[in-house]
Amino acid sequence: SKAVDADSENEDAVFGDEMVYEMLSESSSMLANDKMQRDITRIADGEFVAQIVGGENYVLCPRITEYVVSITRHLPPLLNKEYDVIGAGDLPKLDSAASMGSLRLYDRKTKLGTLSFL
């Protein structure tokens, strides 16, 4: 039915266009301003990475940081509940107090440049 399709579509649109644009702008700005490191373990892939942490780095990517903090707070209790239901055994419980995340971006020009050396 159309009602079910509309509900499914709304569930998939977690952020909305404005939030996605803000997070994309933050990550693009970090890349352009040398706030990300080249992933040398996968140098030919043209990928850059940055740890998402609060404190002084919050100003670099506030929307992405808030997303990481929110997911860290809300997702672990849900997953831990599912672990209990399925009997996950030795799988450690997730800690909702420890926020951590990373950002990974792909840069096509960098990839093409590194491939020319190989």
Foldseek 3Di string as FASTA:
>chain_A
DVVVVVVVVVVVPVDDPVLVVLQVVLVVVCVVVVVWAQPVVPQLQQKTKDKQDDDPCCVSGVSVNVVQLVCLQPVQVVVVVVCVVVVVDPDDGRDSVDGIDMDMDHDPVSNVVVVVVD
